[in-house]
Amino acid sequence: SAGVHHHEHPNALVFDLGDPGSITAEFMAKQPGATMA
C-alpha cells in the first residue's frame, strides 16, 4: 500500500546535456500524511 511498486525505476541520476544543462537526482520519498505512502 506504500505505493513503491507503482513507480518503475525510481532511482536515477539524469544529466540534461542541453544548454544550459542540469543534473537531476530522482528518488523515492515519503508523502506527507499519516501513512507511509
PDB file of all heavy atoms in Angstrom:
ATOM      1  N   SER A   1       0.801  -1.219   0.000  1.00  0.00           N
ATOM      2  CA  SER A   1       0.000   0.000   0.000  1.00  0.00           C
ATOM      3  C   SER A   1       0.836   1.272   0.000  1.00  0.00           C
ATOM      4  O   SER A   1       0.325   2.363  -0.231  1.00  0.00           O
ATOM      5  CB  SER A   1      -0.929   0.008   1.227  1.00  0.00           C
ATOM      6  OG  SER A   1      -0.145  -0.049   2.424  1.00  0.00           O
ATOM      7  N   ALA A   2       2.150   1.155   0.279  1.00  0.00           N
ATOM      8  CA  ALA A   2       3.010   2.342   0.289  1.00  0.00           C
ATOM      9  C   ALA A   2       3.178   2.943  -1.097  1.00  0.00           C
ATOM     10  O   ALA A   2       3.567   4.097  -1.235  1.00  0.00           O
ATOM     11  CB  ALA A   2       4.378   1.995   0.876  1.00  0.00           C
ATOM     12  N   GLY A   3       2.929   2.127  -2.128  1.00  0.00           N
ATOM     13  CA  GLY A   3       2.993   2.645  -3.490  1.00  0.00           C
ATOM     14  C   GLY A   3       4.348   2.555  -4.140  1.00  0.00           C
ATOM     15  O   GLY A   3       4.537   3.015  -5.262  1.00  0.00           O
ATOM     16  N   VAL A   4       5.336   1.937  -3.462  1.00  0.00           N
ATOM     17  CA  VAL A   4       6.677   1.888  -4.023  1.00  0.00           C
ATOM     18  C   VAL A   4       6.733   1.073  -5.297  1.00  0.00           C
ATOM     19  O   VAL A   4       7.536   1.330  -6.184  1.00  0.00           O
ATOM     20  CB  VAL A   4       7.674   1.349  -2.967  1.00  0.00           C
ATOM     21  CG1 VAL A   4       7.410  -0.121  -2.678  1.00  0.00           C
ATOM     22  CG2 VAL A   4       9.104   1.562  -3.434  1.00  0.00           C
ATOM     23  N   HIS A   5       5.843   0.062  -5.410  1.00  0.00           N
ATOM     24  CA  HIS A   5       5.876  -0.802  -6.593  1.00  0.00           C
ATOM     25  C   HIS A   5       5.115  -0.208  -7.772  1.00  0.00           C
ATOM     26  O   HIS A   5       5.068  -0.811  -8.835  1.00  0.00           O
ATOM     27  CB  HIS A   5       5.301  -2.176  -6.231  1.00  0.00           C
ATOM     28  CG  HIS A   5       6.017  -2.831  -5.086  1.00  0.00           C
ATOM     29  ND1 HIS A   5       7.304  -3.278  -5.177  1.00  0.00           N
ATOM     30  CD2 HIS A   5       5.617  -3.075  -3.805  1.00  0.00           C
ATOM     31  CE1 HIS A   5       7.680  -3.797  -4.009  1.00  0.00           C
ATOM     32  NE2 HIS A   5       6.669  -3.684  -3.162  1.00  0.00           N
ATOM     33  N   HIS A   6       4.511   0.954  -7.568  1.00  0.00           N
ATOM     34  CA  HIS A   6       3.767   1.583  -8.656  1.00  0.00           C
ATOM     35  C   HIS A   6       4.668   2.458  -9.531  1.00  0.00           C
ATOM     36  O   HIS A   6       4.237   2.966 -10.554  1.00  0.00           O
ATOM     37  CB  HIS A   6       2.632   2.456  -8.082  1.00  0.00           C
ATOM     38  CG  HIS A   6       1.622   1.676  -7.304  1.00  0.00           C
ATOM     39  ND1 HIS A   6       0.724   2.283  -6.445  1.00  0.00           N
ATOM     40  CD2 HIS A   6       1.369   0.349  -7.236  1.00  0.00           C
ATOM     41  CE1 HIS A   6      -0.038   1.362  -5.886  1.00  0.00           C
ATOM     42  NE2 HIS A   6       0.335   0.177  -6.348  1.00  0.00           N
ATOM     43  N   HIS A   7       5.893   2.644  -9.100  1.00  0.00           N
ATOM     44  CA  HIS A   7       6.812   3.542  -9.817  1.00  0.00           C
ATOM     45  C   HIS A   7       8.026   2.739 -10.295  1.00  0.00           C
ATOM     46  O   HIS A   7       8.843   2.305  -9.493  1.00  0.00           O
ATOM     47  CB  HIS A   7       7.261   4.683  -8.916  1.00  0.00           C
ATOM     48  CG  HIS A   7       6.112   5.474  -8.366  1.00  0.00           C
ATOM     49  ND1 HIS A   7       5.453   6.429  -9.103  1.00  0.00           N
ATOM     50  CD2 HIS A   7       5.496   5.430  -7.157  1.00  0.00           C
ATOM     51  CE1 HIS A   7       4.491   6.954  -8.372  1.00  0.00           C
ATOM     52  NE2 HIS A   7       4.493   6.368  -7.183  1.00  0.00           N
ATOM     53  N   GLU A   8       8.095   2.540 -11.581  1.00  0.00           N
ATOM     54  CA  GLU A   8       9.187   1.749 -12.144  1.00  0.00           C
ATOM     55  C   GLU A   8      10.481   2.575 -12.165  1.00  0.00           C
ATOM     56  O   GLU A   8      10.484   3.743 -12.550  1.00  0.00           O
ATOM     57  CB  GLU A   8       8.834   1.314 -13.569  1.00  0.00           C
ATOM     58  CG  GLU A   8       9.829   0.342 -14.172  1.00  0.00           C
ATOM     59  CD  GLU A   8       9.410  -0.126 -15.550  1.00  0.00           C
ATOM     60  OE1 GLU A   8       8.375   0.344 -16.038  1.00  0.00           O
ATOM     61  OE2 GLU A   8      10.114  -0.959 -16.121  1.00  0.00           O
ATOM     62  N   HIS A   9      11.576   1.954 -11.728  1.00  0.00           N
ATOM     63  CA  HIS A   9      12.895   2.589 -11.736  1.00  0.00           C
ATOM     64  C   HIS A   9      12.880   3.969 -11.069  1.00  0.00           C
ATOM     65  O   HIS A   9      13.092   4.994 -11.723  1.00  0.00           O
ATOM     66  CB  HIS A   9      13.424   2.715 -13.158  1.00  0.00           C
ATOM     67  CG  HIS A   9      13.497   1.414 -13.892  1.00  0.00           C
ATOM     68  ND1 HIS A   9      14.303   0.381 -13.488  1.00  0.00           N
ATOM     69  CD2 HIS A   9      12.840   0.973 -14.988  1.00  0.00           C
ATOM     70  CE1 HIS A   9      14.150  -0.644 -14.325  1.00  0.00           C
ATOM     71  NE2 HIS A   9      13.272  -0.313 -15.233  1.00  0.00           N
ATOM     72  N   PRO A  10      12.617   4.029  -9.774  1.00  0.00           N
ATOM     73  CA  PRO A  10      12.509   5.336  -9.123  1.00  0.00           C
ATOM     74  C   PRO A  10      13.841   6.016  -8.850  1.00  0.00           C
ATOM     75  O   PRO A  10      13.873   7.214  -8.593  1.00  0.00           O
ATOM     76  CB  PRO A  10      11.808   5.002  -7.805  1.00  0.00           C
ATOM     77  CG  PRO A  10      12.244   3.586  -7.513  1.00  0.00           C
ATOM     78  CD  PRO A  10      12.356   2.924  -8.847  1.00  0.00           C
ATOM     79  N   ASN A  11      14.967   5.266  -8.885  1.00  0.00           N
ATOM     80  CA  ASN A  11      16.265   5.847  -8.520  1.00  0.00           C
ATOM     81  C   ASN A  11      17.114   6.074  -9.760  1.00  0.00           C
ATOM     82  O   ASN A  11      17.456   5.125 -10.470  1.00  0.00           O
ATOM     83  CB  ASN A  11      17.015   4.928  -7.555  1.00  0.00           C
ATOM     84  CG  ASN A  11      16.221   4.668  -6.275  1.00  0.00           C
ATOM     85  OD1 ASN A  11      16.198   3.563  -5.780  1.00  0.00           O
ATOM     86  ND2 ASN A  11      15.575   5.682  -5.736  1.00  0.00           N
ATOM     87  N   ALA A  12      17.468   7.348 -10.016  1.00  0.00           N
ATOM     88  CA  ALA A  12      18.248   7.644 -11.213  1.00  0.00           C
ATOM     89  C   ALA A  12      18.944   8.985 -11.059  1.00  0.00           C
ATOM     90  O   ALA A  12      18.501   9.861 -10.319  1.00  0.00           O
ATOM     91  CB  ALA A  12      17.356   7.666 -12.456  1.00  0.00           C
ATOM     92  N   LEU A  13      20.064   9.128 -11.778  1.00  0.00           N
ATOM     93  CA  LEU A  13      20.706  10.424 -11.985  1.00  0.00           C
ATOM     94  C   LEU A  13      20.504  10.777 -13.453  1.00  0.00           C
ATOM     95  O   LEU A  13      20.825   9.986 -14.344  1.00  0.00           O
ATOM     96  CB  LEU A  13      22.201  10.353 -11.678  1.00  0.00           C
ATOM     97  CG  LEU A  13      22.635  10.455 -10.216  1.00  0.00           C
ATOM     98  CD1 LEU A  13      24.146  10.240 -10.123  1.00  0.00           C
ATOM     99  CD2 LEU A  13      22.264  11.808  -9.637  1.00  0.00           C
ATOM    100  N   VAL A  14      19.967  11.961 -13.709  1.00  0.00           N
ATOM    101  CA  VAL A  14      19.639  12.363 -15.076  1.00  0.00           C
ATOM    102  C   VAL A  14      20.421  13.626 -15.426  1.00  0.00           C
ATOM    103  O   VAL A  14      20.292  14.651 -14.757  1.00  0.00           O
ATOM    104  CB  VAL A  14      18.124  12.615 -15.227  1.00  0.00           C
ATOM    105  CG1 VAL A  14      17.799  13.007 -16.671  1.00  0.00           C
ATOM    106  CG2 VAL A  14      17.330  11.384 -14.823  1.00  0.00           C
ATOM    107  N   PHE A  15      21.239  13.529 -16.475  1.00  0.00           N
ATOM    108  CA  PHE A  15      22.001  14.672 -16.984  1.00  0.00           C
ATOM    109  C   PHE A  15      21.284  15.221 -18.213  1.00  0.00           C
ATOM    110  O   PHE A  15      21.143  14.516 -19.214  1.00  0.00           O
ATOM    111  CB  PHE A  15      23.413  14.257 -17.394  1.00  0.00           C
ATOM    112  CG  PHE A  15      24.290  13.804 -16.264  1.00  0.00           C
ATOM    113  CD1 PHE A  15      24.198  12.513 -15.763  1.00  0.00           C
ATOM    114  CD2 PHE A  15      25.221  14.661 -15.704  1.00  0.00           C
ATOM    115  CE1 PHE A  15      25.008  12.091 -14.725  1.00  0.00           C
ATOM    116  CE2 PHE A  15      26.039  14.248 -14.669  1.00  0.00           C
ATOM    117  CZ  PHE A  15      25.934  12.949 -14.176  1.00  0.00           C
ATOM    118  N   ASP A  16      20.849  16.453 -18.144  1.00  0.00           N
ATOM    119  CA  ASP A  16      20.338  17.146 -19.323  1.00  0.00           C
ATOM    120  C   ASP A  16      21.526  17.860 -19.956  1.00  0.00           C
ATOM    121  O   ASP A  16      22.077  18.809 -19.383  1.00  0.00           O
ATOM    122  CB  ASP A  16      19.250  18.144 -18.925  1.00  0.00           C
ATOM    123  CG  ASP A  16      18.647  18.866 -20.119  1.00  0.00           C
ATOM    124  OD1 ASP A  16      19.239  18.822 -21.215  1.00  0.00           O
ATOM    125  OD2 ASP A  16      17.593  19.493 -19.964  1.00  0.00           O
ATOM    126  N   LEU A  17      21.933  17.396 -21.146  1.00  0.00           N
ATOM    127  CA  LEU A  17      23.121  17.934 -21.803  1.00  0.00           C
ATOM    128  C   LEU A  17      22.808  19.111 -22.721  1.00  0.00           C
ATOM    129  O   LEU A  17      23.675  19.572 -23.460  1.00  0.00           O
ATOM    130  CB  LEU A  17      23.823  16.836 -22.608  1.00  0.00           C
ATOM    131  CG  LEU A  17      24.218  15.580 -21.824  1.00  0.00           C
ATOM    132  CD1 LEU A  17      24.967  14.614 -22.746  1.00  0.00           C
ATOM    133  CD2 LEU A  17      25.045  15.917 -20.602  1.00  0.00           C
ATOM    134  N   GLY A  18      21.564  19.570 -22.689  1.00  0.00           N
ATOM    135  CA  GLY A  18      21.224  20.747 -23.482  1.00  0.00           C
ATOM    136  C   GLY A  18      21.826  21.996 -22.869  1.00  0.00           C
ATOM    137  O   GLY A  18      22.490  21.950 -21.831  1.00  0.00           O
ATOM    138  N   ASP A  19      21.613  23.127 -23.517  1.00  0.00           N
ATOM    139  CA  ASP A  19      22.111  24.403 -22.994  1.00  0.00           C
ATOM    140  C   ASP A  19      20.984  25.118 -22.259  1.00  0.00           C
ATOM    141  O   ASP A  19      19.903  25.266 -22.817  1.00  0.00           O
ATOM    142  CB  ASP A  19      22.644  25.276 -24.133  1.00  0.00           C
ATOM    143  CG  ASP A  19      23.875  24.675 -24.794  1.00  0.00           C
ATOM    144  OD1 ASP A  19      24.690  24.108 -24.060  1.00  0.00           O
ATOM    145  OD2 ASP A  19      23.997  24.776 -26.021  1.00  0.00           O
ATOM    146  N   PRO A  20      21.168  25.507 -20.993  1.00  0.00           N
ATOM    147  CA  PRO A  20      22.433  25.496 -20.253  1.00  0.00           C
ATOM    148  C   PRO A  20      22.748  24.182 -19.541  1.00  0.00           C
ATOM    149  O   PRO A  20      23.844  23.990 -19.067  1.00  0.00           O
ATOM    150  CB  PRO A  20      22.230  26.623 -19.235  1.00  0.00           C
ATOM    151  CG  PRO A  20      20.764  26.622 -18.983  1.00  0.00           C
ATOM    152  CD  PRO A  20      20.116  26.253 -20.286  1.00  0.00           C
ATOM    153  N   GLY A  21      21.768  23.272 -19.388  1.00  0.00           N
ATOM    154  CA  GLY A  21      22.030  21.969 -18.802  1.00  0.00           C
ATOM    155  C   GLY A  21      21.630  21.879 -17.336  1.00  0.00           C
ATOM    156  O   GLY A  21      21.492  22.879 -16.632  1.00  0.00           O
ATOM    157  N   SER A  22      21.438  20.626 -16.883  1.00  0.00           N
ATOM    158  CA  SER A  22      21.056  20.393 -15.495  1.00  0.00           C
ATOM    159  C   SER A  22      21.409  18.967 -15.106  1.00  0.00           C
ATOM    160  O   SER A  22      21.683  18.120 -15.959  1.00  0.00           O
ATOM    161  CB  SER A  22      19.549  20.626 -15.298  1.00  0.00           C
ATOM    162  OG  SER A  22      18.791  19.674 -16.038  1.00  0.00           O
ATOM    163  N   ILE A  23      21.391  18.701 -13.799  1.00  0.00           N
ATOM    164  CA  ILE A  23      21.565  17.355 -13.260  1.00  0.00           C
ATOM    165  C   ILE A  23      20.453  17.128 -12.251  1.00  0.00           C
ATOM    166  O   ILE A  23      20.250  17.939 -11.342  1.00  0.00           O
ATOM    167  CB  ILE A  23      22.929  17.169 -12.572  1.00  0.00           C
ATOM    168  CG1 ILE A  23      24.066  17.497 -13.541  1.00  0.00           C
ATOM    169  CG2 ILE A  23      23.081  15.752 -12.037  1.00  0.00           C
ATOM    170  CD1 ILE A  23      25.433  17.526 -12.876  1.00  0.00           C
ATOM    171  N   THR A  24      19.719  16.022 -12.401  1.00  0.00           N
ATOM    172  CA  THR A  24      18.594  15.728 -11.519  1.00  0.00           C
ATOM    173  C   THR A  24      18.787  14.383 -10.856  1.00  0.00           C
ATOM    174  O   THR A  24      19.119  13.393 -11.527  1.00  0.00           O
ATOM    175  CB  THR A  24      17.270  15.723 -12.309  1.00  0.00           C
ATOM    176  OG1 THR A  24      17.065  17.006 -12.890  1.00  0.00           O
ATOM    177  CG2 THR A  24      16.093  15.398 -11.400  1.00  0.00           C
ATOM    178  N   ALA A  25      18.596  14.339  -9.549  1.00  0.00           N
ATOM    179  CA  ALA A  25      18.570  13.080  -8.809  1.00  0.00           C
ATOM    180  C   ALA A  25      17.112  12.696  -8.585  1.00  0.00           C
ATOM    181  O   ALA A  25      16.339  13.483  -8.015  1.00  0.00           O
ATOM    182  CB  ALA A  25      19.296  13.231  -7.473  1.00  0.00           C
ATOM    183  N   GLU A  26      16.714  11.520  -9.057  1.00  0.00           N
ATOM    184  CA  GLU A  26      15.349  11.039  -8.893  1.00  0.00           C
ATOM    185  C   GLU A  26      15.345   9.937  -7.839  1.00  0.00           C
ATOM    186  O   GLU A  26      16.135   8.994  -7.915  1.00  0.00           O
ATOM    187  CB  GLU A  26      14.808  10.521 -10.225  1.00  0.00           C
ATOM    188  CG  GLU A  26      14.764  11.594 -11.314  1.00  0.00           C
ATOM    189  CD  GLU A  26      14.170  11.091 -12.617  1.00  0.00           C
ATOM    190  OE1 GLU A  26      13.995   9.851 -12.740  1.00  0.00           O
ATOM    191  OE2 GLU A  26      13.877  11.919 -13.489  1.00  0.00           O
ATOM    192  N   PHE A  27      14.443  10.043  -6.865  1.00  0.00           N
ATOM    193  CA  PHE A  27      14.427   9.085  -5.762  1.00  0.00           C
ATOM    194  C   PHE A  27      13.019   9.003  -5.196  1.00  0.00           C
ATOM    195  O   PHE A  27      12.126   9.773  -5.565  1.00  0.00           O
ATOM    196  CB  PHE A  27      15.418   9.521  -4.674  1.00  0.00           C
ATOM    197  CG  PHE A  27      15.195  10.916  -4.160  1.00  0.00           C
ATOM    198  CD1 PHE A  27      14.442  11.161  -3.015  1.00  0.00           C
ATOM    199  CD2 PHE A  27      15.734  12.009  -4.829  1.00  0.00           C
ATOM    200  CE1 PHE A  27      14.229  12.444  -2.555  1.00  0.00           C
ATOM    201  CE2 PHE A  27      15.533  13.309  -4.372  1.00  0.00           C
ATOM    202  CZ  PHE A  27      14.770  13.520  -3.230  1.00  0.00           C
ATOM    203  N   MET A  28      12.819   8.062  -4.257  1.00  0.00           N
ATOM    204  CA  MET A  28      11.539   7.901  -3.592  1.00  0.00           C
ATOM    205  C   MET A  28      11.567   8.630  -2.251  1.00  0.00           C
ATOM    206  O   MET A  28      12.579   8.632  -1.551  1.00  0.00           O
ATOM    207  CB  MET A  28      11.224   6.423  -3.380  1.00  0.00           C
ATOM    208  CG  MET A  28      11.100   5.616  -4.663  1.00  0.00           C
ATOM    209  SD  MET A  28       9.762   6.184  -5.733  1.00  0.00           S
ATOM    210  CE  MET A  28       8.334   5.726  -4.735  1.00  0.00           C
ATOM    211  N   ALA A  29      10.458   9.261  -1.906  1.00  0.00           N
ATOM    212  CA  ALA A  29      10.355   9.978  -0.640  1.00  0.00           C
ATOM    213  C   ALA A  29       8.972   9.737  -0.035  1.00  0.00           C
ATOM    214  O   ALA A  29       8.019   9.381  -0.746  1.00  0.00           O
ATOM    215  CB  ALA A  29      10.577  11.471  -0.848  1.00  0.00           C
ATOM    216  N   LYS A  30       8.876   9.930   1.272  1.00  0.00           N
ATOM    217  CA  LYS A  30       7.587   9.768   1.946  1.00  0.00           C
ATOM    218  C   LYS A  30       6.687  10.953   1.626  1.00  0.00           C
ATOM    219  O   LYS A  30       7.086  12.102   1.716  1.00  0.00           O
ATOM    220  CB  LYS A  30       7.773   9.674   3.459  1.00  0.00           C
ATOM    221  CG  LYS A  30       6.459   9.499   4.229  1.00  0.00           C
ATOM    222  CD  LYS A  30       6.672   9.590   5.710  1.00  0.00           C
ATOM    223  CE  LYS A  30       5.329   9.469   6.446  1.00  0.00           C
ATOM    224  NZ  LYS A  30       4.394  10.548   6.081  1.00  0.00           N
ATOM    225  N   GLN A  31       5.458  10.646   1.267  1.00  0.00           N
ATOM    226  CA  GLN A  31       4.476  11.690   1.054  1.00  0.00           C
ATOM    227  C   GLN A  31       3.932  12.162   2.405  1.00  0.00           C
ATOM    228  O   GLN A  31       3.821  11.376   3.347  1.00  0.00           O
ATOM    229  CB  GLN A  31       3.325  11.171   0.186  1.00  0.00           C
ATOM    230  CG  GLN A  31       3.752  10.729  -1.198  1.00  0.00           C
ATOM    231  CD  GLN A  31       2.576  10.330  -2.062  1.00  0.00           C
ATOM    232  OE1 GLN A  31       1.495  10.907  -1.970  1.00  0.00           O
ATOM    233  NE2 GLN A  31       2.774   9.323  -2.901  1.00  0.00           N
ATOM    234  N   PRO A  32       3.606  13.448   2.514  1.00  0.00           N
ATOM    235  CA  PRO A  32       3.040  13.941   3.773  1.00  0.00           C
ATOM    236  C   PRO A  32       1.748  13.215   4.128  1.00  0.00           C
ATOM    237  O   PRO A  32       0.945  12.889   3.254  1.00  0.00           O
ATOM    238  CB  PRO A  32       2.772  15.426   3.478  1.00  0.00           C
ATOM    239  CG  PRO A  32       3.664  15.760   2.340  1.00  0.00           C
ATOM    240  CD  PRO A  32       3.771  14.513   1.515  1.00  0.00           C
ATOM    241  N   GLY A  33       1.583  12.939   5.394  1.00  0.00           N
ATOM    242  CA  GLY A  33       0.353  12.282   5.837  1.00  0.00           C
ATOM    243  C   GLY A  33       0.601  11.290   6.936  1.00  0.00           C
ATOM    244  O   GLY A  33       1.738  11.081   7.384  1.00  0.00           O
ATOM    245  N   ALA A  34      -0.470  10.632   7.348  1.00  0.00           N
ATOM    246  CA  ALA A  34      -0.412   9.724   8.493  1.00  0.00           C
ATOM    247  C   ALA A  34       0.104   8.342   8.135  1.00  0.00           C
ATOM    248  O   ALA A  34       0.431   7.545   9.024  1.00  0.00           O
ATOM    249  CB  ALA A  34      -1.798   9.606   9.133  1.00  0.00           C
ATOM    250  N   THR A  35       0.176   8.016   6.848  1.00  0.00           N
ATOM    251  CA  THR A  35       0.629   6.684   6.442  1.00  0.00           C
ATOM    252  C   THR A  35       1.985   6.771   5.747  1.00  0.00           C
ATOM    253  O   THR A  35       2.402   7.839   5.288  1.00  0.00           O
ATOM    254  CB  THR A  35      -0.386   6.038   5.483  1.00  0.00           C
ATOM    255  OG1 THR A  35      -0.477   6.847   4.297  1.00  0.00           O
ATOM    256  CG2 THR A  35      -1.764   5.933   6.141  1.00  0.00           C
ATOM    257  N   MET A  36       2.659   5.605   5.646  1.00  0.00           N
ATOM    258  CA  MET A  36       3.950   5.529   4.962  1.00  0.00           C
ATOM    259  C   MET A  36       3.716   5.338   3.462  1.00  0.00           C
ATOM    260  O   MET A  36       3.962   4.282   2.888  1.00  0.00           O
ATOM    261  CB  MET A  36       4.791   4.394   5.533  1.00  0.00           C
ATOM    262  CG  MET A  36       6.170   4.264   4.893  1.00  0.00           C
ATOM    263  SD  MET A  36       7.169   5.770   4.972  1.00  0.00           S
ATOM    264  CE  MET A  36       7.750   5.667   6.663  1.00  0.00           C
ATOM    265  N   ALA A  37       3.196   6.395   2.842  1.00  0.00           N
ATOM    266  CA  ALA A  37       2.978   6.367   1.397  1.00  0.00           C
ATOM    267  C   ALA A  37       4.160   7.038   0.709  1.00  0.00           C
ATOM    268  O   ALA A  37       4.586   8.119   1.111  1.00  0.00           O
ATOM    269  CB  ALA A  37       1.681   7.081   1.041  1.00  0.00           C
TER     270      ALA A  37
END
